[in-house]
Amino acid sequence: MRLRDYLKEHGIKTVPFAKLIGIHPTLMRGVRSGTRRLPLKYWRKIVKITENKVKLEDLYDVAYPKTKR
């Protein structure tokens, strides 16, 4: 499950989730929009918080978004 879908499905807002995983809300907004990369050190924390609904492979596209040209 994509992180964006998980947050929407569970009604979780960006700022509280960012605080929960320990990142700045601005970074989280960029991650959700695909303009910023999610540092690897937060991947496992997200998997744990989401009870494995968001898997490591789901986070790959969040951490390394396709560049727009």
C-alpha atoms as a PDB file:
ATOM      1  CA  MET A   1       0.000   0.000   0.000  1.00  0.00           C
ATOM      2  CA  ARG A   2       1.330   3.435  -0.858  1.00  0.00           C
ATOM      3  CA  LEU A   3       1.984   5.763   2.068  1.00  0.00           C
ATOM      4  CA  ARG A   4      -0.303   8.423   0.590  1.00  0.00           C
ATOM      5  CA  ASP A   5      -3.142   5.882   0.349  1.00  0.00           C
ATOM      6  CA  TYR A   6      -2.573   4.670   3.906  1.00  0.00           C
ATOM      7  CA  LEU A   7      -2.694   8.190   5.337  1.00  0.00           C
ATOM      8  CA  LYS A   8      -5.843   9.037   3.370  1.00  0.00           C
ATOM      9  CA  GLU A   9      -7.593   5.776   4.249  1.00  0.00           C
ATOM     10  CA  HIS A  10      -6.893   6.249   7.958  1.00  0.00           C
ATOM     11  CA  GLY A  11      -7.635   9.976   7.985  1.00  0.00           C
ATOM     12  CA  ILE A  12      -4.133  10.815   9.185  1.00  0.00           C
ATOM     13  CA  LYS A  13      -2.980  14.370   8.547  1.00  0.00           C
ATOM     14  CA  THR A  14       0.518  15.207   7.381  1.00  0.00           C
ATOM     15  CA  VAL A  15       1.727  17.171  10.421  1.00  0.00           C
ATOM     16  CA  PRO A  16       0.825  14.584  13.100  1.00  0.00           C
ATOM     17  CA  PHE A  17       2.322  11.761  11.017  1.00  0.00           C
ATOM     18  CA  ALA A  18       5.508  13.745  10.423  1.00  0.00           C
ATOM     19  CA  LYS A  19       5.862  14.312  14.158  1.00  0.00           C
ATOM     20  CA  LEU A  20       5.164  10.637  14.821  1.00  0.00           C
ATOM     21  CA  ILE A  21       8.043   9.487  12.620  1.00  0.00           C
ATOM     22  CA  GLY A  22      10.314  12.365  13.634  1.00  0.00           C
ATOM     23  CA  ILE A  23      10.578  14.504  10.512  1.00  0.00           C
ATOM     24  CA  HIS A  24       9.682  18.115   9.796  1.00  0.00           C
ATOM     25  CA  PRO A  25       6.153  18.605   8.404  1.00  0.00           C
ATOM     26  CA  THR A  26       7.534  20.460   5.381  1.00  0.00           C
ATOM     27  CA  LEU A  27       9.607  17.413   4.445  1.00  0.00           C
ATOM     28  CA  MET A  28       6.545  15.196   4.878  1.00  0.00           C
ATOM     29  CA  ARG A  29       4.505  17.425   2.563  1.00  0.00           C
ATOM     30  CA  GLY A  30       7.239  17.171  -0.052  1.00  0.00           C
ATOM     31  CA  VAL A  31       7.380  13.413   0.343  1.00  0.00           C
ATOM     32  CA  ARG A  32       3.609  13.106  -0.110  1.00  0.00           C
ATOM     33  CA  SER A  33       3.667  15.315  -3.204  1.00  0.00           C
ATOM     34  CA  GLY A  34       6.669  13.462  -4.657  1.00  0.00           C
ATOM     35  CA  THR A  35       9.020  16.455  -4.719  1.00  0.00           C
ATOM     36  CA  ARG A  36      11.235  15.407  -1.787  1.00  0.00           C
ATOM     37  CA  ARG A  37      12.989  12.162  -0.927  1.00  0.00           C
ATOM     38  CA  LEU A  38      12.289  10.335   2.285  1.00  0.00           C
ATOM     39  CA  PRO A  39      15.558   9.500   4.091  1.00  0.00           C
ATOM     40  CA  LEU A  40      16.117   5.754   4.411  1.00  0.00           C
ATOM     41  CA  LYS A  41      16.400   5.886   8.197  1.00  0.00           C
ATOM     42  CA  TYR A  42      12.629   6.520   8.443  1.00  0.00           C
ATOM     43  CA  TRP A  43      11.487   3.624   6.261  1.00  0.00           C
ATOM     44  CA  ARG A  44      11.419   0.954   8.983  1.00  0.00           C
ATOM     45  CA  LYS A  45       9.672   3.315  11.372  1.00  0.00           C
ATOM     46  CA  ILE A  46       6.881   3.861   8.849  1.00  0.00           C
ATOM     47  CA  VAL A  47       6.516   0.112   8.260  1.00  0.00           C
ATOM     48  CA  LYS A  48       6.241  -0.438  12.014  1.00  0.00           C
ATOM     49  CA  ILE A  49       3.771   2.410  12.613  1.00  0.00           C
ATOM     50  CA  THR A  50       1.549   1.269   9.740  1.00  0.00           C
ATOM     51  CA  GLU A  51       1.671  -2.319  11.030  1.00  0.00           C
ATOM     52  CA  ASN A  52       3.296  -3.505   7.795  1.00  0.00           C
ATOM     53  CA  LYS A  53       0.466  -2.175   5.619  1.00  0.00           C
ATOM     54  CA  VAL A  54       3.042   0.107   3.982  1.00  0.00           C
ATOM     55  CA  LYS A  55       5.979  -2.120   3.098  1.00  0.00           C
ATOM     56  CA  LEU A  56       9.603  -1.235   2.396  1.00  0.00           C
ATOM     57  CA  GLU A  57       9.128  -1.785  -1.331  1.00  0.00           C
ATOM     58  CA  ASP A  58       6.160   0.611  -1.261  1.00  0.00           C
ATOM     59  CA  LEU A  59       8.422   3.309   0.132  1.00  0.00           C
ATOM     60  CA  TYR A  60      10.982   3.036  -2.654  1.00  0.00           C
ATOM     61  CA  ASP A  61       8.993   5.310  -4.970  1.00  0.00           C
ATOM     62  CA  VAL A  62       8.481   7.775  -2.103  1.00  0.00           C
ATOM     63  CA  ALA A  63      12.191   7.905  -1.343  1.00  0.00           C
ATOM     64  CA  TYR A  64      13.270   8.021  -4.960  1.00  0.00           C
ATOM     65  CA  PRO A  65      10.560   9.745  -6.968  1.00  0.00           C
ATOM     66  CA  LYS A  66      10.836   9.858 -10.712  1.00  0.00           C
ATOM     67  CA  THR A  67      12.320  13.140 -11.818  1.00  0.00           C
ATOM     68  CA  LYS A  68      10.100  15.329 -13.942  1.00  0.00           C
ATOM     69  CA  ARG A  69      11.665  16.642 -17.108  1.00  0.00           C
END
